[in-house]
Amino acid sequence: MKRPWYSFLYVRSPLVKIGLGIVAVMVSIAVLLFLGVIEDRRMAAQTANWDGRAIEKGAEIYANNCYTCHGPDGKGLPGVAPALHSKYFFTQRLKDVGWTGSLHDYVASTVAAGRPSKVKSQWAQMMPTWSQRFGGPLRDDQVNNVTAFVLNWEADALTQGTPDNPDPWQPFQDAPSKAMAEDGSAPVAEAPVEPTGPRSPQELFAGANGMGCSGCHNLDLPQTADSRGPVGPNMANLYETAGTRVPGEDAATYIHNSIVAPNAYISEGYMAGIMPQNFAERMTEEEINGLVQWLLDPNRQR
């Protein structure tokens, strides 16, 4: 009878079998010891991998939902929403608001529940509720992902506070920021100056007591098919195009209505609800008319 090809694997000697068993056990123990030595590094690498994925997914959520208010780089938009990519935010904000938990929990709770009680504030937009737990659209894992993305700015934010790289933080009027002047980590918080008369168009458009228009609208670029504002339309050529937007409305009427009733007409490619709905309450009619005429002036003074 012909021997099978694997017959060389047969071991007849009991001593050899015992020796091979001992070697196998020792090899198994060595492998287990090796895996134990590298397990911490393997787990750390896997954790970093999952953290990286969370940041990537959070970046997508931020780009789809948050950048229109907090800016594409997280440095806020003047008068629209505060900076998150800020040295002050990472180093001092929790102390100023009296938060005793972690920064992760502070950001996550703000994303989840929003700030629905602060309907009237210096910011053009109210922070909405995002978590499904409170009626928003995001799952818990998505809230954690966007939180991870915001916290990912910390290393870069800590380099701020120099003339070439200033901190973009805008002090809150109802919860003053305690600036750290010795290292320039945040701007000095000053009590807002109440206007004593009609505010100028320049102040309304981009000033500290204004409406935060400059955060969404660019006065230096025209609005064309190849040059579109990312949040709101550019305005360099507004005096030419305003009278063509809505049939039956001249340029001044169109701009006036866009300020007091911004959802009445939405420019193509933009979303309703981005522009604040209460400008008629925050500006006098005289201020609104002055802003309209200023925006229509191709030689407007800045």
C-alpha atoms as a PDB file:
ATOM      1  CA  MET A   1       0.000   0.000   0.000  1.00  0.00           C
ATOM      2  CA  LYS A   2       1.338   3.394  -0.968  1.00  0.00           C
ATOM      3  CA  ARG A   3       1.994   5.804   1.863  1.00  0.00           C
ATOM      4  CA  PRO A   4       0.103   9.126   1.739  1.00  0.00           C
ATOM      5  CA  TRP A   5       2.169  12.206   0.989  1.00  0.00           C
ATOM      6  CA  TYR A   6       1.735  13.516   4.550  1.00  0.00           C
ATOM      7  CA  SER A   7       3.100  10.413   6.198  1.00  0.00           C
ATOM      8  CA  PHE A   8       6.227  12.346   7.196  1.00  0.00           C
ATOM      9  CA  LEU A   9       4.077  14.102   9.784  1.00  0.00           C
ATOM     10  CA  TYR A  10       3.499  10.881  11.683  1.00  0.00           C
ATOM     11  CA  VAL A  11       5.463  10.722  14.928  1.00  0.00           C
ATOM     12  CA  ARG A  12       5.867   7.301  16.500  1.00  0.00           C
ATOM     13  CA  SER A  13       8.186   8.104  19.369  1.00  0.00           C
ATOM     14  CA  PRO A  14       6.410   9.097  22.596  1.00  0.00           C
ATOM     15  CA  LEU A  15       9.400  11.147  23.673  1.00  0.00           C
ATOM     16  CA  VAL A  16       9.365  13.126  20.453  1.00  0.00           C
ATOM     17  CA  LYS A  17       5.646  13.727  20.839  1.00  0.00           C
ATOM     18  CA  ILE A  18       6.187  15.035  24.376  1.00  0.00           C
ATOM     19  CA  GLY A  19       9.014  17.265  23.186  1.00  0.00           C
ATOM     20  CA  LEU A  20       6.974  18.690  20.360  1.00  0.00           C
ATOM     21  CA  GLY A  21       4.091  19.336  22.768  1.00  0.00           C
ATOM     22  CA  ILE A  22       6.365  21.219  25.137  1.00  0.00           C
ATOM     23  CA  VAL A  23       7.769  23.293  22.269  1.00  0.00           C
ATOM     24  CA  ALA A  24       4.232  24.088  21.051  1.00  0.00           C
ATOM     25  CA  VAL A  25       3.196  25.201  24.533  1.00  0.00           C
ATOM     26  CA  MET A  26       6.281  27.383  24.897  1.00  0.00           C
ATOM     27  CA  VAL A  27       5.703  28.954  21.475  1.00  0.00           C
ATOM     28  CA  SER A  28       2.081  29.646  22.417  1.00  0.00           C
ATOM     29  CA  ILE A  29       3.170  31.269  25.678  1.00  0.00           C
ATOM     30  CA  ALA A  30       5.740  33.394  23.820  1.00  0.00           C
ATOM     31  CA  VAL A  31       3.123  34.526  21.320  1.00  0.00           C
ATOM     32  CA  LEU A  32       0.736  35.464  24.108  1.00  0.00           C
ATOM     33  CA  LEU A  33       3.460  37.367  25.926  1.00  0.00           C
ATOM     34  CA  PHE A  34       4.340  39.217  22.718  1.00  0.00           C
ATOM     35  CA  LEU A  35       0.708  40.133  22.120  1.00  0.00           C
ATOM     36  CA  GLY A  36       0.462  41.332  25.715  1.00  0.00           C
ATOM     37  CA  VAL A  37       3.479  43.589  25.219  1.00  0.00           C
ATOM     38  CA  ILE A  38       2.129  45.208  22.057  1.00  0.00           C
ATOM     39  CA  GLU A  39      -1.547  45.277  23.119  1.00  0.00           C
ATOM     40  CA  ASP A  40      -1.391  48.735  24.676  1.00  0.00           C
ATOM     41  CA  ARG A  41       0.165  50.185  21.527  1.00  0.00           C
ATOM     42  CA  ARG A  42      -2.313  48.346  19.336  1.00  0.00           C
ATOM     43  CA  MET A  43      -5.250  49.593  21.386  1.00  0.00           C
ATOM     44  CA  ALA A  44      -3.845  53.130  21.378  1.00  0.00           C
ATOM     45  CA  ALA A  45      -3.492  53.000  17.597  1.00  0.00           C
ATOM     46  CA  GLN A  46      -7.042  51.675  17.241  1.00  0.00           C
ATOM     47  CA  THR A  47      -8.374  54.369  19.568  1.00  0.00           C
ATOM     48  CA  ALA A  48      -6.580  57.022  17.520  1.00  0.00           C
ATOM     49  CA  ASN A  49      -8.108  55.489  14.407  1.00  0.00           C
ATOM     50  CA  TRP A  50     -11.614  55.716  15.823  1.00  0.00           C
ATOM     51  CA  ASP A  51     -10.962  59.232  17.107  1.00  0.00           C
ATOM     52  CA  GLY A  52      -9.819  60.233  13.629  1.00  0.00           C
ATOM     53  CA  ARG A  53     -12.956  58.795  12.092  1.00  0.00           C
ATOM     54  CA  ALA A  54     -15.100  60.677  14.609  1.00  0.00           C
ATOM     55  CA  ILE A  55     -13.344  63.943  13.710  1.00  0.00           C
ATOM     56  CA  GLU A  56     -13.827  63.301   9.982  1.00  0.00           C
ATOM     57  CA  LYS A  57     -17.513  62.562  10.426  1.00  0.00           C
ATOM     58  CA  GLY A  58     -17.841  65.589  12.706  1.00  0.00           C
ATOM     59  CA  ALA A  59     -16.230  67.765  10.023  1.00  0.00           C
ATOM     60  CA  GLU A  60     -18.942  66.687   7.577  1.00  0.00           C
ATOM     61  CA  ILE A  61     -21.690  67.517  10.068  1.00  0.00           C
ATOM     62  CA  TYR A  62     -20.084  70.891  10.834  1.00  0.00           C
ATOM     63  CA  ALA A  63     -19.775  71.744   7.130  1.00  0.00           C
ATOM     64  CA  ASN A  64     -23.428  70.889   6.543  1.00  0.00           C
ATOM     65  CA  ASN A  65     -24.926  72.578   9.587  1.00  0.00           C
ATOM     66  CA  CYS A  66     -22.596  74.851  11.548  1.00  0.00           C
ATOM     67  CA  TYR A  67     -20.270  76.832   9.288  1.00  0.00           C
ATOM     68  CA  THR A  68     -22.909  79.348   8.202  1.00  0.00           C
ATOM     69  CA  CYS A  69     -22.878  80.795  11.735  1.00  0.00           C
ATOM     70  CA  HIS A  70     -19.555  79.820  13.296  1.00  0.00           C
ATOM     71  CA  GLY A  71     -17.532  80.247  10.100  1.00  0.00           C
ATOM     72  CA  PRO A  72     -15.813  77.640   7.919  1.00  0.00           C
ATOM     73  CA  ASP A  73     -12.732  77.721  10.154  1.00  0.00           C
ATOM     74  CA  GLY A  74     -14.644  77.915  13.439  1.00  0.00           C
ATOM     75  CA  LYS A  75     -13.488  81.466  14.151  1.00  0.00           C
ATOM     76  CA  GLY A  76     -17.009  82.848  14.267  1.00  0.00           C
ATOM     77  CA  LEU A  77     -18.728  85.509  12.202  1.00  0.00           C
ATOM     78  CA  PRO A  78     -18.959  89.040  13.660  1.00  0.00           C
ATOM     79  CA  GLY A  79     -22.380  89.550  15.174  1.00  0.00           C
ATOM     80  CA  VAL A  80     -23.621  86.167  13.943  1.00  0.00           C
ATOM     81  CA  ALA A  81     -22.106  83.541  16.259  1.00  0.00           C
ATOM     82  CA  PRO A  82     -19.066  83.274  18.570  1.00  0.00           C
ATOM     83  CA  ALA A  83     -15.735  81.680  17.739  1.00  0.00           C
ATOM     84  CA  LEU A  84     -15.017  78.081  18.715  1.00  0.00           C
ATOM     85  CA  HIS A  85     -11.533  77.932  17.224  1.00  0.00           C
ATOM     86  CA  SER A  86     -10.283  80.309  19.916  1.00  0.00           C
ATOM     87  CA  LYS A  87      -7.584  80.233  22.581  1.00  0.00           C
ATOM     88  CA  TYR A  88      -9.889  81.960  25.023  1.00  0.00           C
ATOM     89  CA  PHE A  89     -12.592  79.342  24.382  1.00  0.00           C
ATOM     90  CA  PHE A  90     -10.209  76.507  25.243  1.00  0.00           C
ATOM     91  CA  THR A  91      -8.419  78.113  28.172  1.00  0.00           C
ATOM     92  CA  GLN A  92     -10.809  80.460  29.974  1.00  0.00           C
ATOM     93  CA  ARG A  93     -14.415  80.161  28.857  1.00  0.00           C
ATOM     94  CA  LEU A  94     -15.432  77.416  31.292  1.00  0.00           C
ATOM     95  CA  LYS A  95     -14.159  79.464  34.243  1.00  0.00           C
ATOM     96  CA  ASP A  96     -16.032  82.562  33.118  1.00  0.00           C
ATOM     97  CA  VAL A  97     -19.381  80.781  32.826  1.00  0.00           C
ATOM     98  CA  GLY A  98     -18.845  78.747  36.004  1.00  0.00           C
ATOM     99  CA  TRP A  99     -18.885  75.346  34.289  1.00  0.00           C
ATOM    100  CA  THR A 100     -17.288  72.709  36.530  1.00  0.00           C
ATOM    101  CA  GLY A 101     -17.398  69.823  34.067  1.00  0.00           C
ATOM    102  CA  SER A 102     -15.155  69.067  31.113  1.00  0.00           C
ATOM    103  CA  LEU A 103     -14.921  71.084  27.923  1.00  0.00           C
ATOM    104  CA  HIS A 104     -16.139  68.024  26.018  1.00  0.00           C
ATOM    105  CA  ASP A 105     -19.321  67.942  28.104  1.00  0.00           C
ATOM    106  CA  TYR A 106     -19.799  71.705  27.730  1.00  0.00           C
ATOM    107  CA  VAL A 107     -19.574  71.531  23.933  1.00  0.00           C
ATOM    108  CA  ALA A 108     -21.649  68.358  23.688  1.00  0.00           C
ATOM    109  CA  SER A 109     -24.436  69.763  25.872  1.00  0.00           C
ATOM    110  CA  THR A 110     -24.499  73.001  23.882  1.00  0.00           C
ATOM    111  CA  VAL A 111     -24.709  71.104  20.599  1.00  0.00           C
ATOM    112  CA  ALA A 112     -27.349  68.746  21.950  1.00  0.00           C
ATOM    113  CA  ALA A 113     -29.690  71.201  23.676  1.00  0.00           C
ATOM    114  CA  GLY A 114     -28.749  74.486  21.997  1.00  0.00           C
ATOM    115  CA  ARG A 115     -29.446  77.813  23.656  1.00  0.00           C
ATOM    116  CA  PRO A 116     -33.215  78.164  23.088  1.00  0.00           C
ATOM    117  CA  SER A 117     -33.705  80.481  26.071  1.00  0.00           C
ATOM    118  CA  LYS A 118     -31.479  83.191  24.590  1.00  0.00           C
ATOM    119  CA  VAL A 119     -33.891  84.479  21.964  1.00  0.00           C
ATOM    120  CA  LYS A 120     -32.701  88.071  22.273  1.00  0.00           C
ATOM    121  CA  SER A 121     -28.952  88.438  22.334  1.00  0.00           C
ATOM    122  CA  GLN A 122     -26.126  90.165  20.513  1.00  0.00           C
ATOM    123  CA  TRP A 123     -25.920  87.260  18.064  1.00  0.00           C
ATOM    124  CA  ALA A 124     -27.909  87.283  14.863  1.00  0.00           C
ATOM    125  CA  GLN A 125     -28.675  83.563  15.158  1.00  0.00           C
ATOM    126  CA  MET A 126     -30.017  81.586  18.105  1.00  0.00           C
ATOM    127  CA  MET A 127     -28.190  78.315  18.783  1.00  0.00           C
ATOM    128  CA  PRO A 128     -30.739  75.637  17.821  1.00  0.00           C
ATOM    129  CA  THR A 129     -31.319  72.243  19.406  1.00  0.00           C
ATOM    130  CA  TRP A 130     -29.498  69.497  17.478  1.00  0.00           C
ATOM    131  CA  SER A 131     -29.913  66.264  19.459  1.00  0.00           C
ATOM    132  CA  GLN A 132     -32.791  63.900  18.743  1.00  0.00           C
ATOM    133  CA  ARG A 133     -33.189  63.668  22.513  1.00  0.00           C
ATOM    134  CA  PHE A 134     -34.485  67.238  22.467  1.00  0.00           C
ATOM    135  CA  GLY A 135     -36.243  67.275  19.108  1.00  0.00           C
ATOM    136  CA  GLY A 136     -33.261  67.928  16.843  1.00  0.00           C
ATOM    137  CA  PRO A 137     -31.989  65.925  13.846  1.00  0.00           C
ATOM    138  CA  LEU A 138     -28.719  64.429  15.176  1.00  0.00           C
ATOM    139  CA  ARG A 139     -28.133  61.071  16.851  1.00  0.00           C
ATOM    140  CA  ASP A 140     -25.995  60.844  19.991  1.00  0.00           C
ATOM    141  CA  ASP A 141     -23.010  59.547  18.001  1.00  0.00           C
ATOM    142  CA  GLN A 142     -23.306  62.478  15.591  1.00  0.00           C
ATOM    143  CA  VAL A 143     -23.366  64.947  18.499  1.00  0.00           C
ATOM    144  CA  ASN A 144     -20.197  63.307  19.832  1.00  0.00           C
ATOM    145  CA  ASN A 145     -18.591  63.448  16.389  1.00  0.00           C
ATOM    146  CA  VAL A 146     -19.155  67.166  15.896  1.00  0.00           C
ATOM    147  CA  THR A 147     -17.943  67.725  19.472  1.00  0.00           C
ATOM    148  CA  ALA A 148     -14.743  65.833  18.620  1.00  0.00           C
ATOM    149  CA  PHE A 149     -14.283  68.017  15.544  1.00  0.00           C
ATOM    150  CA  VAL A 150     -14.612  71.235  17.553  1.00  0.00           C
ATOM    151  CA  LEU A 151     -12.176  69.994  20.211  1.00  0.00           C
ATOM    152  CA  ASN A 152      -9.741  69.059  17.442  1.00  0.00           C
ATOM    153  CA  TRP A 153      -8.992  72.804  17.045  1.00  0.00           C
ATOM    154  CA  GLU A 154      -7.404  73.042  20.490  1.00  0.00           C
ATOM    155  CA  ALA A 155      -3.751  72.545  19.506  1.00  0.00           C
ATOM    156  CA  ASP A 156      -3.921  75.255  16.850  1.00  0.00           C
ATOM    157  CA  ALA A 157      -6.040  77.588  18.978  1.00  0.00           C
ATOM    158  CA  LEU A 158      -3.450  77.555  21.749  1.00  0.00           C
ATOM    159  CA  THR A 159      -0.955  79.222  19.378  1.00  0.00           C
ATOM    160  CA  GLN A 160      -3.186  82.299  19.106  1.00  0.00           C
ATOM    161  CA  GLY A 161      -2.652  85.555  20.967  1.00  0.00           C
ATOM    162  CA  THR A 162       0.039  87.176  18.821  1.00  0.00           C
ATOM    163  CA  PRO A 163      -0.255  90.144  16.426  1.00  0.00           C
ATOM    164  CA  ASP A 164       0.086  87.764  13.488  1.00  0.00           C
ATOM    165  CA  ASN A 165      -2.359  85.234  14.910  1.00  0.00           C
ATOM    166  CA  PRO A 166      -4.903  87.027  17.118  1.00  0.00           C
ATOM    167  CA  ASP A 167      -7.608  85.325  19.107  1.00  0.00           C
ATOM    168  CA  PRO A 168     -10.919  85.753  17.206  1.00  0.00           C
ATOM    169  CA  TRP A 169     -13.077  85.566  20.336  1.00  0.00           C
ATOM    170  CA  GLN A 170     -15.919  88.109  20.511  1.00  0.00           C
ATOM    171  CA  PRO A 171     -16.915  88.955  24.102  1.00  0.00           C
ATOM    172  CA  PHE A 172     -20.465  88.148  25.177  1.00  0.00           C
ATOM    173  CA  GLN A 173     -22.476  91.134  26.326  1.00  0.00           C
ATOM    174  CA  ASP A 174     -24.580  89.166  28.812  1.00  0.00           C
ATOM    175  CA  ALA A 175     -21.706  87.057  30.208  1.00  0.00           C
ATOM    176  CA  PRO A 176     -18.567  89.197  29.930  1.00  0.00           C
ATOM    177  CA  SER A 177     -15.394  87.481  28.853  1.00  0.00           C
ATOM    178  CA  LYS A 178     -12.542  87.958  31.298  1.00  0.00           C
ATOM    179  CA  ALA A 179      -9.712  88.702  28.921  1.00  0.00           C
ATOM    180  CA  MET A 180      -6.207  87.564  29.774  1.00  0.00           C
ATOM    181  CA  ALA A 181      -4.299  90.595  28.593  1.00  0.00           C
ATOM    182  CA  GLU A 182      -0.941  89.290  29.738  1.00  0.00           C
ATOM    183  CA  ASP A 183      -0.873  86.656  27.016  1.00  0.00           C
ATOM    184  CA  GLY A 184      -3.356  88.123  24.558  1.00  0.00           C
ATOM    185  CA  SER A 185      -5.515  85.019  24.602  1.00  0.00           C
ATOM    186  CA  ALA A 186      -8.771  86.927  24.246  1.00  0.00           C
ATOM    187  CA  PRO A 187      -9.939  90.441  23.428  1.00  0.00           C
ATOM    188  CA  VAL A 188     -10.775  92.765  26.269  1.00  0.00           C
ATOM    189  CA  ALA A 189     -14.414  92.576  27.206  1.00  0.00           C
ATOM    190  CA  GLU A 190     -16.053  95.959  27.388  1.00  0.00           C
ATOM    191  CA  ALA A 191     -19.614  96.851  28.174  1.00  0.00           C
ATOM    192  CA  PRO A 192     -21.499  97.615  24.961  1.00  0.00           C
ATOM    193  CA  VAL A 193     -21.970 101.296  24.232  1.00  0.00           C
ATOM    194  CA  GLU A 194     -25.629 102.109  23.880  1.00  0.00           C
ATOM    195  CA  PRO A 195     -26.276 104.203  20.749  1.00  0.00           C
ATOM    196  CA  THR A 196     -27.410 107.756  21.464  1.00  0.00           C
ATOM    197  CA  GLY A 197     -28.879 108.337  18.011  1.00  0.00           C
ATOM    198  CA  PRO A 198     -29.347 106.647  14.649  1.00  0.00           C
ATOM    199  CA  ARG A 199     -26.464 104.311  13.927  1.00  0.00           C
ATOM    200  CA  SER A 200     -24.549 104.821  10.712  1.00  0.00           C
ATOM    201  CA  PRO A 201     -24.854 102.255   7.899  1.00  0.00           C
ATOM    202  CA  GLN A 202     -21.211 101.334   8.443  1.00  0.00           C
ATOM    203  CA  GLU A 203     -21.894 100.604  12.122  1.00  0.00           C
ATOM    204  CA  LEU A 204     -25.009  98.611  11.301  1.00  0.00           C
ATOM    205  CA  PHE A 205     -23.238  96.544   8.671  1.00  0.00           C
ATOM    206  CA  ALA A 206     -19.985  95.725  10.450  1.00  0.00           C
ATOM    207  CA  GLY A 207     -19.728  97.542  13.786  1.00  0.00           C
ATOM    208  CA  ALA A 208     -19.777  96.276  17.347  1.00  0.00           C
ATOM    209  CA  ASN A 209     -23.337  97.587  17.823  1.00  0.00           C
ATOM    210  CA  GLY A 210     -24.449  96.474  14.390  1.00  0.00           C
ATOM    211  CA  MET A 211     -26.367  93.607  12.876  1.00  0.00           C
ATOM    212  CA  GLY A 212     -23.428  91.417  11.889  1.00  0.00           C
ATOM    213  CA  CYS A 213     -24.111  91.753   8.144  1.00  0.00           C
ATOM    214  CA  SER A 214     -20.416  91.534   7.252  1.00  0.00           C
ATOM    215  CA  GLY A 215     -20.293  88.003   8.616  1.00  0.00           C
ATOM    216  CA  CYS A 216     -22.419  86.729   5.726  1.00  0.00           C
ATOM    217  CA  HIS A 217     -22.175  89.374   2.987  1.00  0.00           C
ATOM    218  CA  ASN A 218     -19.012  90.531   1.201  1.00  0.00           C
ATOM    219  CA  LEU A 219     -19.019  94.141  -0.021  1.00  0.00           C
ATOM    220  CA  ASP A 220     -15.868  93.723  -2.111  1.00  0.00           C
ATOM    221  CA  LEU A 221     -16.915  90.824  -4.351  1.00  0.00           C
ATOM    222  CA  PRO A 222     -19.712  90.809  -6.937  1.00  0.00           C
ATOM    223  CA  GLN A 223     -22.408  88.168  -6.892  1.00  0.00           C
ATOM    224  CA  THR A 224     -22.081  86.227 -10.146  1.00  0.00           C
ATOM    225  CA  ALA A 225     -22.364  82.624 -11.277  1.00  0.00           C
ATOM    226  CA  ASP A 226     -18.626  82.255 -10.690  1.00  0.00           C
ATOM    227  CA  SER A 227     -18.442  84.369  -7.521  1.00  0.00           C
ATOM    228  CA  ARG A 228     -21.071  83.397  -4.980  1.00  0.00           C
ATOM    229  CA  GLY A 229     -21.009  84.189  -1.294  1.00  0.00           C
ATOM    230  CA  PRO A 230     -20.866  80.963   0.755  1.00  0.00           C
ATOM    231  CA  VAL A 231     -23.428  82.079   3.361  1.00  0.00           C
ATOM    232  CA  GLY A 232     -25.201  85.085   1.829  1.00  0.00           C
ATOM    233  CA  PRO A 233     -24.909  86.813  -1.562  1.00  0.00           C
ATOM    234  CA  ASN A 234     -21.965  89.101  -2.241  1.00  0.00           C
ATOM    235  CA  MET A 235     -22.872  92.795  -2.540  1.00  0.00           C
ATOM    236  CA  ALA A 236     -20.278  94.602  -4.659  1.00  0.00           C
ATOM    237  CA  ASN A 237     -22.733  94.755  -7.582  1.00  0.00           C
ATOM    238  CA  LEU A 238     -25.939  94.944  -5.535  1.00  0.00           C
ATOM    239  CA  TYR A 239     -26.750  98.408  -6.868  1.00  0.00           C
ATOM    240  CA  GLU A 240     -26.910  96.868 -10.366  1.00  0.00           C
ATOM    241  CA  THR A 241     -28.851  93.698  -9.583  1.00  0.00           C
ATOM    242  CA  ALA A 242     -31.225  94.582  -6.740  1.00  0.00           C
ATOM    243  CA  GLY A 243     -33.878  96.028  -9.057  1.00  0.00           C
ATOM    244  CA  THR A 244     -34.001  92.833 -11.134  1.00  0.00           C
ATOM    245  CA  ARG A 245     -34.587  90.288  -8.375  1.00  0.00           C
ATOM    246  CA  VAL A 246     -38.344  90.545  -7.721  1.00  0.00           C
ATOM    247  CA  PRO A 247     -40.794  91.648 -10.430  1.00  0.00           C
ATOM    248  CA  GLY A 248     -42.525  94.879  -9.502  1.00  0.00           C
ATOM    249  CA  GLU A 249     -39.971  95.900  -6.856  1.00  0.00           C
ATOM    250  CA  ASP A 250     -37.376  98.575  -7.419  1.00  0.00           C
ATOM    251  CA  ALA A 251     -33.905  98.233  -5.913  1.00  0.00           C
ATOM    252  CA  ALA A 252     -34.650 100.148  -2.717  1.00  0.00           C
ATOM    253  CA  THR A 253     -37.880  98.258  -2.064  1.00  0.00           C
ATOM    254  CA  TYR A 254     -36.194  94.926  -2.662  1.00  0.00           C
ATOM    255  CA  ILE A 255     -33.374  95.644  -0.206  1.00  0.00           C
ATOM    256  CA  HIS A 256     -35.763  97.070   2.398  1.00  0.00           C
ATOM    257  CA  ASN A 257     -37.984  93.992   2.195  1.00  0.00           C
ATOM    258  CA  SER A 258     -34.958  91.703   2.330  1.00  0.00           C
ATOM    259  CA  ILE A 259     -34.001  93.303   5.646  1.00  0.00           C
ATOM    260  CA  VAL A 260     -37.395  93.360   7.353  1.00  0.00           C
ATOM    261  CA  ALA A 261     -38.827  90.160   5.777  1.00  0.00           C
ATOM    262  CA  PRO A 262     -35.805  88.139   4.626  1.00  0.00           C
ATOM    263  CA  ASN A 263     -37.755  84.952   3.911  1.00  0.00           C
ATOM    264  CA  ALA A 264     -40.150  86.682   1.520  1.00  0.00           C
ATOM    265  CA  TYR A 265     -37.666  86.131  -1.312  1.00  0.00           C
ATOM    266  CA  ILE A 266     -34.695  83.767  -1.150  1.00  0.00           C
ATOM    267  CA  SER A 267     -31.901  84.150  -3.690  1.00  0.00           C
ATOM    268  CA  GLU A 268     -31.303  81.006  -5.706  1.00  0.00           C
ATOM    269  CA  GLY A 269     -28.931  78.590  -4.016  1.00  0.00           C
ATOM    270  CA  TYR A 270     -29.448  79.904  -0.477  1.00  0.00           C
ATOM    271  CA  MET A 271     -31.476  78.661   2.484  1.00  0.00           C
ATOM    272  CA  ALA A 272     -34.405  80.308   4.213  1.00  0.00           C
ATOM    273  CA  GLY A 273     -33.996  81.086   7.900  1.00  0.00           C
ATOM    274  CA  ILE A 274     -30.280  81.939   7.794  1.00  0.00           C
ATOM    275  CA  MET A 275     -30.868  85.689   7.926  1.00  0.00           C
ATOM    276  CA  PRO A 276     -32.328  86.931  11.245  1.00  0.00           C
ATOM    277  CA  GLN A 277     -36.036  87.703  11.187  1.00  0.00           C
ATOM    278  CA  ASN A 278     -36.045  90.517  13.761  1.00  0.00           C
ATOM    279  CA  PHE A 279     -34.074  93.319  12.117  1.00  0.00           C
ATOM    280  CA  ALA A 280     -37.205  95.495  12.045  1.00  0.00           C
ATOM    281  CA  GLU A 281     -37.238  95.288  15.860  1.00  0.00           C
ATOM    282  CA  ARG A 282     -33.499  95.878  16.274  1.00  0.00           C
ATOM    283  CA  MET A 283     -33.244  98.883  13.933  1.00  0.00           C
ATOM    284  CA  THR A 284     -35.328 101.993  13.558  1.00  0.00           C
ATOM    285  CA  GLU A 285     -36.966 102.755  10.221  1.00  0.00           C
ATOM    286  CA  GLU A 286     -34.539 105.637   9.815  1.00  0.00           C
ATOM    287  CA  GLU A 287     -31.593 103.282  10.282  1.00  0.00           C
ATOM    288  CA  ILE A 288     -33.023 100.740   7.846  1.00  0.00           C
ATOM    289  CA  ASN A 289     -33.584 103.381   5.160  1.00  0.00           C
ATOM    290  CA  GLY A 290     -30.071 104.739   5.674  1.00  0.00           C
ATOM    291  CA  LEU A 291     -28.629 101.232   5.328  1.00  0.00           C
ATOM    292  CA  VAL A 292     -30.638 100.671   2.137  1.00  0.00           C
ATOM    293  CA  GLN A 293     -29.333 103.852   0.524  1.00  0.00           C
ATOM    294  CA  TRP A 294     -25.774 103.067   1.607  1.00  0.00           C
ATOM    295  CA  LEU A 295     -25.910  99.577   0.113  1.00  0.00           C
ATOM    296  CA  LEU A 296     -27.177 101.033  -3.174  1.00  0.00           C
ATOM    297  CA  ASP A 297     -24.361 103.550  -3.383  1.00  0.00           C
ATOM    298  CA  PRO A 298     -21.542 102.178  -5.617  1.00  0.00           C
ATOM    299  CA  ASN A 299     -19.174 104.682  -3.985  1.00  0.00           C
ATOM    300  CA  ARG A 300     -20.217 103.919  -0.419  1.00  0.00           C
ATOM    301  CA  GLN A 301     -17.828 105.077   2.269  1.00  0.00           C
ATOM    302  CA  ARG A 302     -16.500 102.280   4.485  1.00  0.00           C
END
